[in-house]
Protein backbone atom coordinates (compact mmCIF):
# COMPACT_ATOMS: atom_id res chain seq x y z
CA UNK A 1 43.08 13.49 5.74
CA UNK A 2 40.66 11.01 4.24
CA UNK A 3 38.89 13.92 2.57
CA UNK A 4 41.67 14.37 -0.05
CA UNK A 5 41.53 10.80 -1.43
CA UNK A 6 37.76 11.08 -1.75
CA UNK A 7 38.15 14.24 -3.86
CA UNK A 8 40.78 12.51 -6.01
CA UNK A 9 38.50 9.53 -6.62
CA UNK A 10 35.61 11.82 -7.62
CA UNK A 11 37.83 13.68 -10.08
CA UNK A 12 39.16 10.41 -11.56
CA UNK A 13 35.65 9.03 -12.11
CA UNK A 14 34.46 12.21 -13.81
CA UNK A 15 37.55 12.27 -16.04
CA UNK A 16 37.28 8.64 -17.18
CA UNK A 17 33.51 8.82 -17.69
CA UNK A 18 33.91 11.75 -20.10
CA UNK A 19 31.58 14.09 -18.23
CA UNK A 20 34.10 16.93 -18.37
CA UNK A 21 37.34 17.69 -20.17
CA UNK A 22 39.37 17.92 -16.96
CA UNK A 23 38.91 17.32 -13.25
CA UNK A 24 37.00 20.15 -11.59
CA UNK A 25 36.58 18.80 -8.03
CA UNK A 26 32.89 19.60 -8.06
CA UNK A 27 33.23 23.25 -9.22
CA UNK A 28 30.93 22.67 -12.20
CA UNK A 29 28.10 21.84 -9.83
CA UNK A 30 28.56 25.15 -8.04
CA UNK A 31 28.56 26.99 -11.36
CA UNK A 32 25.48 25.10 -12.48
CA UNK A 33 23.56 26.29 -9.47
CA UNK A 34 24.44 29.93 -10.15
CA UNK A 35 23.58 29.66 -13.84
CA UNK A 36 19.88 29.29 -13.07
CA UNK A 37 17.10 27.38 -14.75
CA UNK A 38 16.03 30.22 -17.06
CA UNK A 39 19.50 30.64 -18.57
CA UNK A 40 19.76 26.92 -19.32
CA UNK A 41 16.29 26.93 -20.84
CA UNK A 42 16.99 29.86 -23.19
CA UNK A 43 20.42 28.50 -24.13
CA UNK A 44 19.00 25.06 -24.83
CA UNK A 45 16.21 26.51 -26.97
CA UNK A 46 18.72 28.55 -29.00
CA UNK A 47 21.00 25.57 -29.56
CA UNK A 48 18.10 23.39 -30.72
CA UNK A 49 16.91 26.09 -33.12
CA UNK A 50 20.44 26.72 -34.42
CA UNK A 51 21.08 22.99 -34.92
CA UNK A 52 17.87 22.72 -36.93
CA UNK A 53 18.76 25.80 -38.99
CA UNK A 54 22.27 24.51 -39.71
CA UNK A 55 20.84 21.33 -41.24
CA UNK A 56 19.42 23.48 -44.06
CA UNK A 57 22.66 25.41 -44.56
CA UNK A 58 25.47 22.86 -44.69
CA UNK A 59 26.91 24.02 -48.01
CA UNK A 60 29.67 26.63 -47.67
CA UNK A 61 28.54 28.68 -50.67
CA UNK A 62 24.98 28.71 -49.42
CA UNK A 63 26.31 30.23 -46.20
CA UNK A 64 28.09 32.94 -48.19
CA UNK A 65 24.91 33.65 -50.15
CA UNK A 66 23.03 34.06 -46.89
CA UNK A 67 25.53 36.57 -45.53
CA UNK A 68 24.93 38.94 -48.45
CA UNK A 69 21.24 38.09 -48.64
CA UNK A 70 20.55 38.78 -44.97
CA UNK A 71 22.49 42.07 -45.06
CA UNK A 72 20.57 43.19 -48.15
CA UNK A 73 17.18 42.27 -46.70
CA UNK A 74 17.93 43.90 -43.33
CA UNK A 75 18.99 47.12 -45.02
CA UNK A 76 15.89 46.98 -47.22
CA UNK A 77 13.70 46.66 -44.11
CA UNK A 78 15.19 49.62 -42.23
CA UNK A 79 15.83 51.95 -45.17
CA UNK A 80 12.31 53.36 -45.72
CA UNK A 81 11.66 53.41 -41.96
CA UNK A 82 14.77 55.56 -41.48
CA UNK A 83 12.98 58.41 -43.26
CA UNK A 84 10.18 58.39 -40.66
CA UNK A 85 11.13 60.45 -37.56
CA UNK A 86 9.64 59.16 -34.31
CA UNK A 87 10.52 61.03 -31.09
CA UNK A 88 10.91 58.74 -28.08
CA UNK A 89 10.84 60.44 -24.66
CA UNK A 90 11.77 63.67 -26.37
CA UNK A 91 14.82 62.19 -28.08
CA UNK A 92 14.95 62.27 -31.88
CA UNK A 93 14.97 58.82 -33.47
CA UNK A 94 13.36 57.00 -36.36
CA UNK A 95 10.83 54.23 -36.87
CA UNK A 96 13.67 51.99 -38.01
CA UNK A 97 15.34 52.12 -34.60
CA UNK A 98 12.04 51.53 -32.79
CA UNK A 99 11.25 48.53 -35.02
CA UNK A 100 14.69 46.96 -34.62
CA UNK A 101 14.92 47.24 -30.82
CA UNK A 102 12.53 44.33 -29.95
CA UNK A 103 14.34 42.01 -32.35
CA UNK A 104 17.72 43.01 -30.91
CA UNK A 105 16.44 42.23 -27.41
CA UNK A 106 15.30 38.81 -28.66
CA UNK A 107 18.74 38.07 -30.14
CA UNK A 108 20.48 39.23 -26.96
CA UNK A 109 18.28 36.93 -24.89
CA UNK A 110 19.09 33.96 -27.12
CA UNK A 111 22.85 34.52 -26.82
CA UNK A 112 24.42 37.64 -25.29
CA UNK A 113 27.71 37.45 -27.21
CA UNK A 114 26.18 36.81 -30.64
CA UNK A 115 23.44 39.34 -29.92
CA UNK A 116 26.05 41.97 -29.11
CA UNK A 117 27.77 41.27 -32.41
CA UNK A 118 24.47 41.69 -34.24
CA UNK A 119 23.85 44.91 -32.29
CA UNK A 120 27.11 46.37 -33.62
CA UNK A 121 26.24 45.30 -37.17
CA UNK A 122 22.73 46.74 -36.81
CA UNK A 123 24.11 50.11 -35.69
CA UNK A 124 26.35 50.19 -38.76
CA UNK A 125 23.49 49.30 -41.12
CA UNK A 126 21.17 51.83 -39.48
CA UNK A 127 23.87 54.47 -39.97
CA UNK A 128 24.17 53.52 -43.64
CA UNK A 129 20.39 53.75 -44.02
CA UNK A 130 20.33 57.17 -42.35
CA UNK A 131 23.08 58.40 -44.68
CA UNK A 132 21.21 57.16 -47.75
CA UNK A 133 17.97 58.81 -46.62
CA UNK A 134 19.72 62.13 -46.03
CA UNK A 135 21.27 62.21 -49.51
CA UNK A 136 18.68 60.46 -51.72
CA UNK A 137 15.14 61.67 -52.57
CA UNK A 138 12.11 59.64 -51.50
CA UNK A 139 11.68 58.00 -54.91
CA UNK A 140 15.31 56.98 -54.88
CA UNK A 141 14.97 55.49 -51.38
CA UNK A 142 12.09 53.28 -52.50
CA UNK A 143 13.98 52.28 -55.64
CA UNK A 144 17.00 51.24 -53.59
CA UNK A 145 14.72 49.36 -51.19
CA UNK A 146 13.12 47.41 -54.04
CA UNK A 147 16.53 46.62 -55.52
CA UNK A 148 17.83 45.39 -52.15
CA UNK A 149 14.81 43.12 -51.73
CA UNK A 150 15.34 41.60 -55.16
CA UNK A 151 19.08 41.15 -54.53
CA UNK A 152 18.48 39.61 -51.11
CA UNK A 153 15.91 37.14 -52.40
CA UNK A 154 18.14 36.18 -55.32
CA UNK A 155 21.02 35.42 -52.96
CA UNK A 156 18.76 33.22 -50.84
CA UNK A 157 17.25 31.37 -53.81
CA UNK A 158 20.62 30.78 -55.48
CA UNK A 159 22.09 29.52 -52.22
CA UNK A 160 19.36 26.97 -51.65
CA UNK A 161 18.57 25.86 -55.20
CA UNK A 162 22.02 25.80 -56.77
CA UNK A 163 24.40 25.10 -53.89
CA UNK A 164 22.41 23.53 -51.03
CA UNK A 165 19.83 21.94 -53.37
CA UNK A 166 17.09 21.80 -50.75
CA UNK A 167 14.14 23.91 -49.66
CA UNK A 168 14.68 26.86 -47.28
CA UNK A 169 14.18 26.26 -43.57
CA UNK A 170 11.30 28.74 -43.48
CA UNK A 171 9.02 26.22 -45.17
CA UNK A 172 9.29 23.89 -42.17
CA UNK A 173 9.82 26.43 -39.38
CA UNK A 174 8.76 30.08 -39.90
CA UNK A 175 10.60 31.12 -36.73
CA UNK A 176 13.86 30.64 -38.65
CA UNK A 177 13.18 34.03 -40.24
CA UNK A 178 14.80 35.65 -37.19
CA UNK A 179 17.54 33.03 -36.82
CA UNK A 180 19.50 33.91 -39.97
CA UNK A 181 21.51 36.77 -38.41
CA UNK A 182 22.39 34.55 -35.42
CA UNK A 183 23.57 31.86 -37.85
CA UNK A 184 25.80 34.32 -39.72
CA UNK A 185 27.22 35.81 -36.51
CA UNK A 186 27.89 32.35 -35.07
CA UNK A 187 29.89 31.39 -38.18
CA UNK A 188 31.86 34.65 -37.88
CA UNK A 189 32.66 34.02 -34.20
CA UNK A 190 33.75 30.45 -34.96
CA UNK A 191 35.91 31.60 -37.90
CA UNK A 192 37.66 34.08 -35.58
CA UNK A 193 38.41 31.30 -33.09
CA UNK A 194 35.63 32.00 -30.61
CA UNK A 195 32.57 30.01 -29.50
CA UNK A 196 33.96 26.57 -30.06
CA UNK A 197 30.97 25.35 -28.07
CA UNK A 198 28.85 26.23 -31.10
CA UNK A 199 31.37 24.83 -33.60
CA UNK A 200 30.16 21.32 -32.74
CA UNK A 201 26.74 22.21 -34.15
CA UNK A 202 28.31 23.23 -37.46
CA UNK A 203 30.31 20.04 -37.89
CA UNK A 204 29.39 18.18 -41.06
CA UNK A 205 27.09 15.19 -40.81
CA UNK A 206 26.35 12.36 -43.24
CA UNK A 207 24.10 13.56 -46.04
CA UNK A 208 21.52 10.86 -45.35
CA UNK A 209 21.08 12.16 -41.79
CA UNK A 210 19.84 15.55 -42.97
CA UNK A 211 16.18 16.34 -42.73
CA UNK A 212 13.86 18.18 -45.07
CA UNK A 213 12.93 17.75 -48.74
CA UNK A 214 15.64 17.83 -51.38
CA UNK A 215 15.34 19.81 -54.62
CA UNK A 216 16.85 16.97 -56.66
CA UNK A 217 13.99 14.99 -58.34
CA UNK A 218 16.09 11.84 -58.39
CA UNK A 219 16.77 12.08 -54.67
CA UNK A 220 13.12 12.75 -53.90
CA UNK A 221 12.11 9.67 -55.92
CA UNK A 222 14.66 7.44 -54.18
CA UNK A 223 13.53 8.78 -50.78
CA UNK A 224 9.90 7.96 -51.59
CA UNK A 225 10.85 4.41 -52.71
CA UNK A 226 12.88 3.84 -49.54
CA UNK A 227 10.01 5.04 -47.35
CA UNK A 228 7.51 2.80 -49.12
């Protein structure tokens, strides 16, 4: 019977030390073994990248601008490719689907739940692109593509220069080009009450703790004086 008190003492130590939210009697260690090293590595990489991306997108309105901007730019990328039929293993498809598949696999590997959400959104946008291509002449398709690019860039620029007032994350880390959709989907999941594990990353931090150059000349001058 001495085994039960030992388990109780282990649970009490883990609870008071703050390692877990509730006593688990060692179950977390069993789950950690089954999770595997590769899963922890990918998940840790995604969280580090997302935390870095969030630091450039703290302003709420900048986040809204990015939602519309990313949708516009994604649709602009797949729209002209949707007019290019490419048979795969005898099945009719388009160059847009072939081009999107590797990126979807990358997003699914980063986070299965968020990647699945992006997959659903991508299917909807690919369907919209296919509908446009089937009803609009070639010149019209390219005109819509150009307009979507302009609109998407404007949303991004307005979000960073007017609301966030700092340079885009792409200037410091080009890999953030593929992280925007994951950022938007993570915010959607959190708003719907899911993925509270990611909500911690989005919590506001003191402005002085943020990294990256500001667009405010006065702030840049004060930062240079403080560094000197």
